[in-house]
Amino acid sequence: MDASGFCGELGKGFGAVSLPVVDREGAAEVLIFGLAPEGSVAVRLKDNDGQVTEASTREVPPAFTRGDVFVFSTNRASTGGALEVLDGEDRALAPAVAADGFFDQLRAVQRIGAARD
């Protein structure tokens, strides 16, 4: 499997980075992972094509004071979208994070995978 560098930022509260990967058969996906505020239950990726992917947040040991964590992947190369962090009642806990760069990276590695064929 091949991979490239990260895209995104991790600050306090809510943030994400991504890692696009291509398997030996040329299939590509982007892993999106990051930090979510305490009390969050999910992170939702809404792409510009209307598709939604959601991941549950995970509690971390108390010594890690920056919040909870999440990870998910997608192989849909949209033109853009946004990540939202949600509480247990489906309310946003922080401003949405633009996901355009994640999709840009995915499209780039999909082209690399296709070129291998």
C-alpha atoms as a PDB file:
ATOM      1  CA  MET A   1       0.000   0.000   0.000  1.00  0.00           C
ATOM      2  CA  ASP A   2       1.306   3.505  -0.838  1.00  0.00           C
ATOM      3  CA  ALA A   3       0.579   6.683   1.070  1.00  0.00           C
ATOM      4  CA  SER A   4       1.337  10.373   0.891  1.00  0.00           C
ATOM      5  CA  GLY A   5       1.672  13.196   3.408  1.00  0.00           C
ATOM      6  CA  PHE A   6      -1.016  14.571   5.660  1.00  0.00           C
ATOM      7  CA  CYS A   7      -3.577  17.230   4.800  1.00  0.00           C
ATOM      8  CA  GLY A   8      -5.310  19.283   7.502  1.00  0.00           C
ATOM      9  CA  GLU A   9      -4.666  20.675  10.945  1.00  0.00           C
ATOM     10  CA  LEU A  10      -5.153  19.486  14.485  1.00  0.00           C
ATOM     11  CA  GLY A  11      -5.772  22.201  17.012  1.00  0.00           C
ATOM     12  CA  LYS A  12      -7.621  22.203  20.289  1.00  0.00           C
ATOM     13  CA  GLY A  13     -11.257  21.270  20.090  1.00  0.00           C
ATOM     14  CA  PHE A  14     -12.136  19.986  16.633  1.00  0.00           C
ATOM     15  CA  GLY A  15      -9.785  19.263  13.764  1.00  0.00           C
ATOM     16  CA  ALA A  16      -8.863  16.601  11.275  1.00  0.00           C
ATOM     17  CA  VAL A  17      -6.043  15.372   9.081  1.00  0.00           C
ATOM     18  CA  SER A  18      -6.162  12.897   6.231  1.00  0.00           C
ATOM     19  CA  LEU A  19      -3.966  10.236   4.738  1.00  0.00           C
ATOM     20  CA  PRO A  20      -4.759   9.010   1.211  1.00  0.00           C
ATOM     21  CA  VAL A  21      -3.731   5.446   0.397  1.00  0.00           C
ATOM     22  CA  VAL A  22      -3.679   3.215  -2.692  1.00  0.00           C
ATOM     23  CA  ASP A  23      -3.630  -0.580  -2.435  1.00  0.00           C
ATOM     24  CA  ARG A  24      -1.712  -2.898  -4.760  1.00  0.00           C
ATOM     25  CA  GLU A  25      -4.745  -3.220  -7.052  1.00  0.00           C
ATOM     26  CA  GLY A  26      -4.955   0.575  -7.480  1.00  0.00           C
ATOM     27  CA  ALA A  27      -8.020   1.179  -5.297  1.00  0.00           C
ATOM     28  CA  ALA A  28      -7.740   4.458  -3.394  1.00  0.00           C
ATOM     29  CA  GLU A  29      -9.337   5.828  -0.257  1.00  0.00           C
ATOM     30  CA  VAL A  30      -8.624   8.599   2.199  1.00  0.00           C
ATOM     31  CA  LEU A  31      -8.420   8.032   5.947  1.00  0.00           C
ATOM     32  CA  ILE A  32      -9.727  11.027   7.902  1.00  0.00           C
ATOM     33  CA  PHE A  33      -8.912  11.202  11.592  1.00  0.00           C
ATOM     34  CA  GLY A  34      -8.660  13.793  14.288  1.00  0.00           C
ATOM     35  CA  LEU A  35      -9.778  15.366  17.524  1.00  0.00           C
ATOM     36  CA  ALA A  36     -13.291  16.087  18.716  1.00  0.00           C
ATOM     37  CA  PRO A  37     -14.444  17.995  21.814  1.00  0.00           C
ATOM     38  CA  GLU A  38     -15.355  16.160  25.003  1.00  0.00           C
ATOM     39  CA  GLY A  39     -19.033  15.237  24.917  1.00  0.00           C
ATOM     40  CA  SER A  40     -19.125  14.597  21.196  1.00  0.00           C
ATOM     41  CA  VAL A  41     -20.554  11.305  19.968  1.00  0.00           C
ATOM     42  CA  ALA A  42     -19.926  11.427  16.213  1.00  0.00           C
ATOM     43  CA  VAL A  43     -18.201  13.172  13.340  1.00  0.00           C
ATOM     44  CA  ARG A  44     -20.099  13.421  10.075  1.00  0.00           C
ATOM     45  CA  LEU A  45     -18.648  13.994   6.617  1.00  0.00           C
ATOM     46  CA  LYS A  46     -21.147  15.566   4.225  1.00  0.00           C
ATOM     47  CA  ASP A  47     -19.837  15.795   0.694  1.00  0.00           C
ATOM     48  CA  ASN A  48     -21.032  18.167  -2.021  1.00  0.00           C
ATOM     49  CA  ASP A  49     -22.729  15.248  -3.781  1.00  0.00           C
ATOM     50  CA  GLY A  50     -25.105  14.725  -0.836  1.00  0.00           C
ATOM     51  CA  GLN A  51     -23.412  11.600   0.537  1.00  0.00           C
ATOM     52  CA  VAL A  52     -22.859  11.251   4.286  1.00  0.00           C
ATOM     53  CA  THR A  53     -20.287   9.170   6.160  1.00  0.00           C
ATOM     54  CA  GLU A  54     -20.285   9.088   9.948  1.00  0.00           C
ATOM     55  CA  ALA A  55     -17.876   7.845  12.600  1.00  0.00           C
ATOM     56  CA  SER A  56     -18.351   7.525  16.330  1.00  0.00           C
ATOM     57  CA  THR A  57     -15.917   9.375  18.540  1.00  0.00           C
ATOM     58  CA  ARG A  58     -13.812   7.402  20.991  1.00  0.00           C
ATOM     59  CA  GLU A  59     -12.906   8.230  24.554  1.00  0.00           C
ATOM     60  CA  VAL A  60      -9.191   8.377  25.280  1.00  0.00           C
ATOM     61  CA  PRO A  61      -7.293   7.973  28.574  1.00  0.00           C
ATOM     62  CA  PRO A  62      -7.754  10.903  30.987  1.00  0.00           C
ATOM     63  CA  ALA A  63      -4.077  11.855  30.627  1.00  0.00           C
ATOM     64  CA  PHE A  64      -4.884  12.978  27.059  1.00  0.00           C
ATOM     65  CA  THR A  65      -6.589  16.310  27.664  1.00  0.00           C
ATOM     66  CA  ARG A  66      -7.243  17.468  24.110  1.00  0.00           C
ATOM     67  CA  GLY A  67     -10.624  15.716  23.678  1.00  0.00           C
ATOM     68  CA  ASP A  68     -11.867  12.548  21.997  1.00  0.00           C
ATOM     69  CA  VAL A  69     -10.690  11.000  18.726  1.00  0.00           C
ATOM     70  CA  PHE A  70     -12.299   9.695  15.533  1.00  0.00           C
ATOM     71  CA  VAL A  71     -11.281   7.918  12.341  1.00  0.00           C
ATOM     72  CA  PHE A  72     -13.070   6.852   9.170  1.00  0.00           C
ATOM     73  CA  SER A  73     -12.398   6.400   5.477  1.00  0.00           C
ATOM     74  CA  THR A  74     -14.072   7.191   2.203  1.00  0.00           C
ATOM     75  CA  ASN A  75     -13.408   6.336  -1.413  1.00  0.00           C
ATOM     76  CA  ARG A  76     -15.895   8.867  -2.846  1.00  0.00           C
ATOM     77  CA  ALA A  77     -13.963  11.682  -4.520  1.00  0.00           C
ATOM     78  CA  SER A  78     -16.423  14.537  -4.265  1.00  0.00           C
ATOM     79  CA  THR A  79     -15.681  18.113  -5.266  1.00  0.00           C
ATOM     80  CA  GLY A  80     -15.740  19.090  -1.595  1.00  0.00           C
ATOM     81  CA  GLY A  81     -17.641  18.946   1.638  1.00  0.00           C
ATOM     82  CA  ALA A  82     -17.427  19.525   5.365  1.00  0.00           C
ATOM     83  CA  LEU A  83     -16.886  17.687   8.634  1.00  0.00           C
ATOM     84  CA  GLU A  84     -19.280  18.296  11.516  1.00  0.00           C
ATOM     85  CA  VAL A  85     -18.862  17.216  15.134  1.00  0.00           C
ATOM     86  CA  LEU A  86     -22.104  16.249  16.864  1.00  0.00           C
ATOM     87  CA  ASP A  87     -23.421  15.704  20.369  1.00  0.00           C
ATOM     88  CA  GLY A  88     -25.885  12.987  21.403  1.00  0.00           C
ATOM     89  CA  GLU A  89     -28.830  15.042  20.117  1.00  0.00           C
ATOM     90  CA  ASP A  90     -27.342  15.576  16.630  1.00  0.00           C
ATOM     91  CA  ARG A  91     -26.350  19.194  17.365  1.00  0.00           C
ATOM     92  CA  ALA A  92     -23.080  20.712  16.172  1.00  0.00           C
ATOM     93  CA  LEU A  93     -20.508  21.242  18.929  1.00  0.00           C
ATOM     94  CA  ALA A  94     -18.074  23.344  16.885  1.00  0.00           C
ATOM     95  CA  PRO A  95     -17.901  25.102  13.533  1.00  0.00           C
ATOM     96  CA  ALA A  96     -17.695  22.716  10.571  1.00  0.00           C
ATOM     97  CA  VAL A  97     -14.280  21.979   9.060  1.00  0.00           C
ATOM     98  CA  ALA A  98     -13.877  22.199   5.271  1.00  0.00           C
ATOM     99  CA  ALA A  99     -13.058  18.805   3.734  1.00  0.00           C
ATOM    100  CA  ASP A 100     -12.137  20.013   0.240  1.00  0.00           C
ATOM    101  CA  GLY A 101      -8.424  19.258   0.715  1.00  0.00           C
ATOM    102  CA  PHE A 102      -9.198  15.691   1.770  1.00  0.00           C
ATOM    103  CA  PHE A 103     -11.140  15.110  -1.438  1.00  0.00           C
ATOM    104  CA  ASP A 104      -8.394  16.787  -3.501  1.00  0.00           C
ATOM    105  CA  GLN A 105      -5.888  14.313  -2.095  1.00  0.00           C
ATOM    106  CA  LEU A 106      -8.203  11.393  -2.772  1.00  0.00           C
ATOM    107  CA  ARG A 107      -8.693  12.380  -6.408  1.00  0.00           C
ATOM    108  CA  ALA A 108      -4.909  12.697  -6.785  1.00  0.00           C
ATOM    109  CA  VAL A 109      -4.212   9.183  -5.486  1.00  0.00           C
ATOM    110  CA  GLN A 110      -7.100   7.781  -7.530  1.00  0.00           C
ATOM    111  CA  ARG A 111      -5.350   9.135 -10.621  1.00  0.00           C
ATOM    112  CA  ILE A 112      -2.104   7.484  -9.469  1.00  0.00           C
ATOM    113  CA  GLY A 113      -3.918   4.180  -8.950  1.00  0.00           C
ATOM    114  CA  ALA A 114      -5.556   4.410 -12.356  1.00  0.00           C
ATOM    115  CA  ALA A 115      -2.196   5.158 -14.006  1.00  0.00           C
ATOM    116  CA  ARG A 116      -0.822   1.873 -12.637  1.00  0.00           C
ATOM    117  CA  ASP A 117      -3.421  -0.133 -14.576  1.00  0.00           C
END
